[in-house]
Amino acid sequence: MDKIFSTRINEEVLYRIKNLSNNLHISKKAIIENAVKLYA
């Protein structure tokens, strides 16, 4: 089961996440999950 995660984030980072989501046609959730996997 997925959990809700709420945080304040820099507008530039949010803009990048939105652009990646639109360009790659994947959800913002998937962008963040994949970034964490790559970072870990």
PDB file of N, CA and C in Angstrom:
ATOM      1  N   MET A   1       0.837  -1.179   0.000  1.00  0.00           N
ATOM      2  CA  MET A   1       0.000   0.000   0.000  1.00  0.00           C
ATOM      3  C   MET A   1       0.887   1.251   0.000  1.00  0.00           C
ATOM      4  N   ASP A   2       0.567   2.193  -0.859  1.00  0.00           N
ATOM      5  CA  ASP A   2       1.322   3.444  -0.938  1.00  0.00           C
ATOM      6  C   ASP A   2       0.953   4.361   0.214  1.00  0.00           C
ATOM      7  N   LYS A   3       1.910   5.152   0.643  1.00  0.00           N
ATOM      8  CA  LYS A   3       1.720   6.136   1.712  1.00  0.00           C
ATOM      9  C   LYS A   3       1.759   7.528   1.111  1.00  0.00           C
ATOM     10  N   ILE A   4       1.098   8.470   1.752  1.00  0.00           N
ATOM     11  CA  ILE A   4       1.117   9.866   1.323  1.00  0.00           C
ATOM     12  C   ILE A   4       2.345  10.535   1.920  1.00  0.00           C
ATOM     13  N   PHE A   5       3.071  11.273   1.085  1.00  0.00           N
ATOM     14  CA  PHE A   5       4.290  11.957   1.495  1.00  0.00           C
ATOM     15  C   PHE A   5       4.139  13.426   1.120  1.00  0.00           C
ATOM     16  N   SER A   6       4.181  14.284   2.099  1.00  0.00           N
ATOM     17  CA  SER A   6       3.990  15.708   1.842  1.00  0.00           C
ATOM     18  C   SER A   6       5.216  16.484   2.305  1.00  0.00           C
ATOM     19  N   THR A   7       5.700  17.395   1.461  1.00  0.00           N
ATOM     20  CA  THR A   7       6.881  18.185   1.810  1.00  0.00           C
ATOM     21  C   THR A   7       6.891  19.494   1.033  1.00  0.00           C
ATOM     22  N   ARG A   8       7.627  20.443   1.555  1.00  0.00           N
ATOM     23  CA  ARG A   8       7.865  21.680   0.804  1.00  0.00           C
ATOM     24  C   ARG A   8       9.057  21.421  -0.107  1.00  0.00           C
ATOM     25  N   ILE A   9       8.949  21.895  -1.343  1.00  0.00           N
ATOM     26  CA  ILE A   9      10.003  21.637  -2.313  1.00  0.00           C
ATOM     27  C   ILE A   9      10.274  22.909  -3.114  1.00  0.00           C
ATOM     28  N   ASN A  10      11.528  23.103  -3.474  1.00  0.00           N
ATOM     29  CA  ASN A  10      11.928  24.251  -4.268  1.00  0.00           C
ATOM     30  C   ASN A  10      11.144  24.266  -5.581  1.00  0.00           C
ATOM     31  N   GLU A  11      10.680  25.446  -5.991  1.00  0.00           N
ATOM     32  CA  GLU A  11       9.867  25.548  -7.205  1.00  0.00           C
ATOM     33  C   GLU A  11      10.609  25.073  -8.448  1.00  0.00           C
ATOM     34  N   GLU A  12      11.912  25.309  -8.509  1.00  0.00           N
ATOM     35  CA  GLU A  12      12.697  24.867  -9.661  1.00  0.00           C
ATOM     36  C   GLU A  12      12.714  23.342  -9.755  1.00  0.00           C
ATOM     37  N   VAL A  13      12.834  22.682  -8.623  1.00  0.00           N
ATOM     38  CA  VAL A  13      12.833  21.214  -8.596  1.00  0.00           C
ATOM     39  C   VAL A  13      11.461  20.695  -9.021  1.00  0.00           C
ATOM     40  N   LEU A  14      10.414  21.317  -8.511  1.00  0.00           N
ATOM     41  CA  LEU A  14       9.061  20.913  -8.889  1.00  0.00           C
ATOM     42  C   LEU A  14       8.843  21.089 -10.386  1.00  0.00           C
ATOM     43  N   TYR A  15       9.333  22.200 -10.937  1.00  0.00           N
ATOM     44  CA  TYR A  15       9.229  22.456 -12.373  1.00  0.00           C
ATOM     45  C   TYR A  15       9.941  21.362 -13.169  1.00  0.00           C
ATOM     46  N   ARG A  16      11.131  20.966 -12.699  1.00  0.00           N
ATOM     47  CA  ARG A  16      11.880  19.896 -13.382  1.00  0.00           C
ATOM     48  C   ARG A  16      11.133  18.572 -13.331  1.00  0.00           C
ATOM     49  N   ILE A  17      10.551  18.263 -12.168  1.00  0.00           N
ATOM     50  CA  ILE A  17       9.787  17.015 -12.029  1.00  0.00           C
ATOM     51  C   ILE A  17       8.590  17.025 -12.982  1.00  0.00           C
ATOM     52  N   LYS A  18       7.881  18.148 -13.046  1.00  0.00           N
ATOM     53  CA  LYS A  18       6.727  18.256 -13.950  1.00  0.00           C
ATOM     54  C   LYS A  18       7.149  18.092 -15.407  1.00  0.00           C
ATOM     55  N   ASN A  19       8.263  18.748 -15.783  1.00  0.00           N
ATOM     56  CA  ASN A  19       8.742  18.629 -17.163  1.00  0.00           C
ATOM     57  C   ASN A  19       9.147  17.200 -17.502  1.00  0.00           C
ATOM     58  N   LEU A  20       9.872  16.550 -16.597  1.00  0.00           N
ATOM     59  CA  LEU A  20      10.255  15.154 -16.826  1.00  0.00           C
ATOM     60  C   LEU A  20       9.022  14.272 -16.984  1.00  0.00           C
ATOM     61  N   SER A  21       8.056  14.499 -16.124  1.00  0.00           N
ATOM     62  CA  SER A  21       6.820  13.724 -16.166  1.00  0.00           C
ATOM     63  C   SER A  21       6.127  13.873 -17.521  1.00  0.00           C
ATOM     64  N   ASN A  22       6.027  15.102 -17.987  1.00  0.00           N
ATOM     65  CA  ASN A  22       5.374  15.354 -19.280  1.00  0.00           C
ATOM     66  C   ASN A  22       6.189  14.788 -20.441  1.00  0.00           C
ATOM     67  N   ASN A  23       7.494  15.001 -20.419  1.00  0.00           N
ATOM     68  CA  ASN A  23       8.344  14.553 -21.528  1.00  0.00           C
ATOM     69  C   ASN A  23       8.457  13.042 -21.614  1.00  0.00           C
ATOM     70  N   LEU A  24       8.504  12.376 -20.461  1.00  0.00           N
ATOM     71  CA  LEU A  24       8.664  10.918 -20.433  1.00  0.00           C
ATOM     72  C   LEU A  24       7.337  10.171 -20.371  1.00  0.00           C
ATOM     73  N   HIS A  25       6.253  10.916 -20.204  1.00  0.00           N
ATOM     74  CA  HIS A  25       4.904  10.342 -20.106  1.00  0.00           C
ATOM     75  C   HIS A  25       4.800   9.327 -18.970  1.00  0.00           C
ATOM     76  N   ILE A  26       5.390   9.697 -17.830  1.00  0.00           N
ATOM     77  CA  ILE A  26       5.239   8.886 -16.627  1.00  0.00           C
ATOM     78  C   ILE A  26       4.825   9.798 -15.473  1.00  0.00           C
ATOM     79  N   SER A  27       4.322   9.216 -14.427  1.00  0.00           N
ATOM     80  CA  SER A  27       3.802  10.010 -13.311  1.00  0.00           C
ATOM     81  C   SER A  27       4.926  10.675 -12.520  1.00  0.00           C
ATOM     82  N   LYS A  28       4.567  11.735 -11.821  1.00  0.00           N
ATOM     83  CA  LYS A  28       5.532  12.401 -10.939  1.00  0.00           C
ATOM     84  C   LYS A  28       5.966  11.434  -9.841  1.00  0.00           C
ATOM     85  N   LYS A  29       5.055  10.590  -9.402  1.00  0.00           N
ATOM     86  CA  LYS A  29       5.376   9.572  -8.399  1.00  0.00           C
ATOM     87  C   LYS A  29       6.485   8.661  -8.923  1.00  0.00           C
ATOM     88  N   ALA A  30       6.365   8.232 -10.160  1.00  0.00           N
ATOM     89  CA  ALA A  30       7.371   7.344 -10.762  1.00  0.00           C
ATOM     90  C   ALA A  30       8.720   8.055 -10.902  1.00  0.00           C
ATOM     91  N   ILE A  31       8.701   9.334 -11.237  1.00  0.00           N
ATOM     92  CA  ILE A  31       9.942  10.116 -11.339  1.00  0.00           C
ATOM     93  C   ILE A  31      10.671  10.090 -10.000  1.00  0.00           C
ATOM     94  N   ILE A  32       9.937  10.400  -8.931  1.00  0.00           N
ATOM     95  CA  ILE A  32      10.547  10.474  -7.600  1.00  0.00           C
ATOM     96  C   ILE A  32      11.023   9.107  -7.140  1.00  0.00           C
ATOM     97  N   GLU A  33      10.202   8.075  -7.337  1.00  0.00           N
ATOM     98  CA  GLU A  33      10.588   6.715  -6.928  1.00  0.00           C
ATOM     99  C   GLU A  33      11.849   6.256  -7.652  1.00  0.00           C
ATOM    100  N   ASN A  34      11.916   6.511  -8.959  1.00  0.00           N
ATOM    101  CA  ASN A  34      13.091   6.110  -9.736  1.00  0.00           C
ATOM    102  C   ASN A  34      14.330   6.890  -9.318  1.00  0.00           C
ATOM    103  N   ALA A  35      14.160   8.173  -9.025  1.00  0.00           N
ATOM    104  CA  ALA A  35      15.300   8.987  -8.585  1.00  0.00           C
ATOM    105  C   ALA A  35      15.859   8.457  -7.264  1.00  0.00           C
ATOM    106  N   VAL A  36      14.998   8.076  -6.357  1.00  0.00           N
ATOM    107  CA  VAL A  36      15.448   7.549  -5.068  1.00  0.00           C
ATOM    108  C   VAL A  36      16.185   6.222  -5.287  1.00  0.00           C
ATOM    109  N   LYS A  37      15.675   5.383  -6.165  1.00  0.00           N
ATOM    110  CA  LYS A  37      16.331   4.097  -6.441  1.00  0.00           C
ATOM    111  C   LYS A  37      17.725   4.316  -7.038  1.00  0.00           C
ATOM    112  N   LEU A  38      17.833   5.292  -7.941  1.00  0.00           N
ATOM    113  CA  LEU A  38      19.139   5.572  -8.553  1.00  0.00           C
ATOM    114  C   LEU A  38      20.106   6.188  -7.560  1.00  0.00           C
ATOM    115  N   TYR A  39      19.600   6.968  -6.648  1.00  0.00           N
ATOM    116  CA  TYR A  39      20.443   7.657  -5.662  1.00  0.00           C
ATOM    117  C   TYR A  39      20.953   6.708  -4.583  1.00  0.00           C
ATOM    118  N   ALA A  40      20.139   5.715  -4.256  1.00  0.00           N
ATOM    119  CA  ALA A  40      20.461   4.807  -3.140  1.00  0.00           C
ATOM    120  C   ALA A  40      21.603   3.869  -3.464  1.00  0.00           C
TER     121      ALA A  40
END
